[in-house]
Amino acid sequence: MPTPKDRVDYIDNWKKENTDLIRIRVKKGQKEKYQALADKAGMSLTAYITSVLEEKLKEEQ
């Protein structure tokens, strides 16, 4: 059975191979407003931001 460290290493490796990390900074107080929008949509903030970006990409094509 894998140890907890093995599991963390596996997950970290998977993330490196399969995802890109985007970090953004926003003005103080904006995060709470964005989080409220995500909560209203029943999504995490990351999922909400990603969905908005995907929607914009579809509009642009």
N, C-alpha and C. Protein backbone atom coordinates (compact mmCIF):
# COMPACT_ATOMS: atom_id res chain seq x y z
N MET A 1 0.86 -1.18 0.00
CA MET A 1 0.00 0.00 0.00
C MET A 1 0.90 1.24 0.00
N PRO A 2 0.57 2.25 -0.85
CA PRO A 2 1.40 3.45 -0.90
C PRO A 2 1.32 4.25 0.41
N THR A 3 2.44 4.85 0.74
CA THR A 3 2.48 5.70 1.92
C THR A 3 1.85 7.05 1.58
N PRO A 4 1.47 7.83 2.59
CA PRO A 4 0.93 9.16 2.30
C PRO A 4 1.88 10.02 1.46
N LYS A 5 3.19 9.90 1.70
CA LYS A 5 4.15 10.67 0.91
C LYS A 5 4.14 10.23 -0.55
N ASP A 6 4.05 8.91 -0.79
CA ASP A 6 3.98 8.40 -2.15
C ASP A 6 2.75 8.96 -2.87
N ARG A 7 1.66 9.02 -2.14
CA ARG A 7 0.42 9.54 -2.72
C ARG A 7 0.56 11.01 -3.08
N VAL A 8 1.14 11.80 -2.19
CA VAL A 8 1.35 13.22 -2.45
C VAL A 8 2.29 13.40 -3.63
N ASP A 9 3.35 12.61 -3.68
CA ASP A 9 4.30 12.69 -4.80
C ASP A 9 3.61 12.36 -6.12
N TYR A 10 2.77 11.34 -6.12
CA TYR A 10 2.03 10.95 -7.32
C TYR A 10 1.12 12.09 -7.79
N ILE A 11 0.38 12.68 -6.86
CA ILE A 11 -0.53 13.77 -7.21
C ILE A 11 0.24 14.97 -7.73
N ASP A 12 1.34 15.33 -7.05
CA ASP A 12 2.16 16.46 -7.51
C ASP A 12 2.71 16.21 -8.90
N ASN A 13 3.18 15.00 -9.16
CA ASN A 13 3.70 14.66 -10.48
C ASN A 13 2.60 14.74 -11.53
N TRP A 14 1.41 14.23 -11.21
CA TRP A 14 0.29 14.28 -12.16
C TRP A 14 -0.04 15.73 -12.50
N LYS A 15 -0.09 16.59 -11.48
CA LYS A 15 -0.39 18.01 -11.71
C LYS A 15 0.63 18.64 -12.63
N LYS A 16 1.92 18.35 -12.41
CA LYS A 16 2.98 18.93 -13.24
C LYS A 16 2.86 18.49 -14.69
N GLU A 17 2.48 17.25 -14.90
CA GLU A 17 2.39 16.71 -16.25
C GLU A 17 1.10 17.08 -16.98
N ASN A 18 0.03 17.39 -16.24
CA ASN A 18 -1.28 17.53 -16.86
C ASN A 18 -1.94 18.89 -16.71
N THR A 19 -1.34 19.78 -15.96
CA THR A 19 -1.97 21.08 -15.75
C THR A 19 -0.95 22.20 -15.81
N ASP A 20 -1.44 23.40 -16.07
CA ASP A 20 -0.64 24.62 -15.97
C ASP A 20 -1.19 25.42 -14.79
N LEU A 21 -0.31 26.12 -14.12
CA LEU A 21 -0.70 26.92 -12.97
C LEU A 21 -0.75 28.39 -13.39
N ILE A 22 -1.87 29.04 -13.12
CA ILE A 22 -2.03 30.46 -13.38
C ILE A 22 -2.34 31.13 -12.05
N ARG A 23 -1.51 32.09 -11.67
CA ARG A 23 -1.76 32.83 -10.43
C ARG A 23 -2.10 34.26 -10.81
N ILE A 24 -3.11 34.80 -10.18
CA ILE A 24 -3.49 36.18 -10.47
C ILE A 24 -3.58 36.96 -9.16
N ARG A 25 -3.37 38.23 -9.27
CA ARG A 25 -3.55 39.12 -8.13
C ARG A 25 -4.67 40.09 -8.49
N VAL A 26 -5.49 40.39 -7.50
CA VAL A 26 -6.60 41.32 -7.69
C VAL A 26 -6.56 42.35 -6.57
N LYS A 27 -7.25 43.46 -6.78
CA LYS A 27 -7.30 44.50 -5.75
C LYS A 27 -7.95 43.95 -4.49
N LYS A 28 -7.52 44.49 -3.36
CA LYS A 28 -8.11 44.08 -2.07
C LYS A 28 -9.62 44.21 -2.13
N GLY A 29 -10.31 43.22 -1.63
CA GLY A 29 -11.76 43.23 -1.59
C GLY A 29 -12.41 42.59 -2.80
N GLN A 30 -11.70 42.49 -3.91
CA GLN A 30 -12.29 41.91 -5.12
C GLN A 30 -12.46 40.40 -4.99
N LYS A 31 -11.53 39.74 -4.31
CA LYS A 31 -11.61 38.28 -4.19
C LYS A 31 -12.93 37.88 -3.55
N GLU A 32 -13.34 38.60 -2.53
CA GLU A 32 -14.60 38.27 -1.85
C GLU A 32 -15.78 38.42 -2.80
N LYS A 33 -15.75 39.44 -3.65
CA LYS A 33 -16.83 39.63 -4.63
C LYS A 33 -16.84 38.49 -5.64
N TYR A 34 -15.65 38.10 -6.11
CA TYR A 34 -15.56 37.01 -7.07
C TYR A 34 -16.00 35.69 -6.42
N GLN A 35 -15.62 35.51 -5.16
CA GLN A 35 -16.01 34.28 -4.45
C GLN A 35 -17.52 34.21 -4.30
N ALA A 36 -18.15 35.35 -4.04
CA ALA A 36 -19.61 35.38 -3.92
C ALA A 36 -20.27 34.96 -5.23
N LEU A 37 -19.73 35.40 -6.36
CA LEU A 37 -20.27 34.99 -7.66
C LEU A 37 -20.12 33.49 -7.85
N ALA A 38 -18.95 32.97 -7.49
CA ALA A 38 -18.71 31.53 -7.62
C ALA A 38 -19.65 30.74 -6.72
N ASP A 39 -19.82 31.20 -5.48
CA ASP A 39 -20.73 30.53 -4.55
C ASP A 39 -22.15 30.51 -5.09
N LYS A 40 -22.58 31.63 -5.65
CA LYS A 40 -23.93 31.73 -6.21
C LYS A 40 -24.12 30.73 -7.34
N ALA A 41 -23.04 30.50 -8.11
CA ALA A 41 -23.11 29.54 -9.22
C ALA A 41 -22.88 28.11 -8.76
N GLY A 42 -22.59 27.92 -7.46
CA GLY A 42 -22.35 26.59 -6.93
C GLY A 42 -21.02 26.00 -7.37
N MET A 43 -20.04 26.87 -7.55
CA MET A 43 -18.74 26.43 -8.06
C MET A 43 -17.62 26.94 -7.16
N SER A 44 -16.47 26.31 -7.28
CA SER A 44 -15.28 26.85 -6.62
C SER A 44 -14.86 28.10 -7.40
N LEU A 45 -14.06 28.92 -6.78
CA LEU A 45 -13.60 30.13 -7.46
C LEU A 45 -12.79 29.77 -8.70
N THR A 46 -11.93 28.77 -8.60
CA THR A 46 -11.14 28.34 -9.75
C THR A 46 -12.04 27.85 -10.89
N ALA A 47 -13.01 27.02 -10.56
CA ALA A 47 -13.92 26.50 -11.58
C ALA A 47 -14.73 27.62 -12.21
N TYR A 48 -15.14 28.59 -11.41
CA TYR A 48 -15.92 29.71 -11.93
C TYR A 48 -15.09 30.55 -12.89
N ILE A 49 -13.88 30.90 -12.49
CA ILE A 49 -13.01 31.70 -13.36
C ILE A 49 -12.72 30.95 -14.65
N THR A 50 -12.44 29.66 -14.54
CA THR A 50 -12.17 28.86 -15.73
C THR A 50 -13.38 28.82 -16.65
N SER A 51 -14.58 28.68 -16.09
CA SER A 51 -15.78 28.62 -16.93
C SER A 51 -16.02 29.94 -17.65
N VAL A 52 -15.76 31.04 -16.98
CA VAL A 52 -15.91 32.35 -17.61
C VAL A 52 -14.91 32.50 -18.76
N LEU A 53 -13.68 32.09 -18.54
CA LEU A 53 -12.67 32.17 -19.60
C LEU A 53 -13.02 31.26 -20.77
N GLU A 54 -13.50 30.05 -20.50
CA GLU A 54 -13.90 29.13 -21.57
C GLU A 54 -15.05 29.71 -22.38
N GLU A 55 -16.01 30.33 -21.70
CA GLU A 55 -17.14 30.95 -22.38
C GLU A 55 -16.64 32.06 -23.31
N LYS A 56 -15.71 32.86 -22.82
CA LYS A 56 -15.16 33.96 -23.63
C LYS A 56 -14.42 33.40 -24.84
N LEU A 57 -13.68 32.30 -24.66
CA LEU A 57 -12.99 31.68 -25.79
C LEU A 57 -13.98 31.22 -26.87
N LYS A 58 -15.09 30.64 -26.45
CA LYS A 58 -16.11 30.18 -27.41
C LYS A 58 -16.69 31.37 -28.18
N GLU A 59 -16.90 32.50 -27.50
CA GLU A 59 -17.42 33.70 -28.16
C GLU A 59 -16.44 34.22 -29.20
N GLU A 60 -15.16 34.12 -28.92
CA GLU A 60 -14.13 34.65 -29.79
C GLU A 60 -13.92 33.81 -31.04
N GLN A 61 -14.32 32.54 -31.01
CA GLN A 61 -14.08 31.65 -32.15
C GLN A 61 -15.16 31.75 -33.18
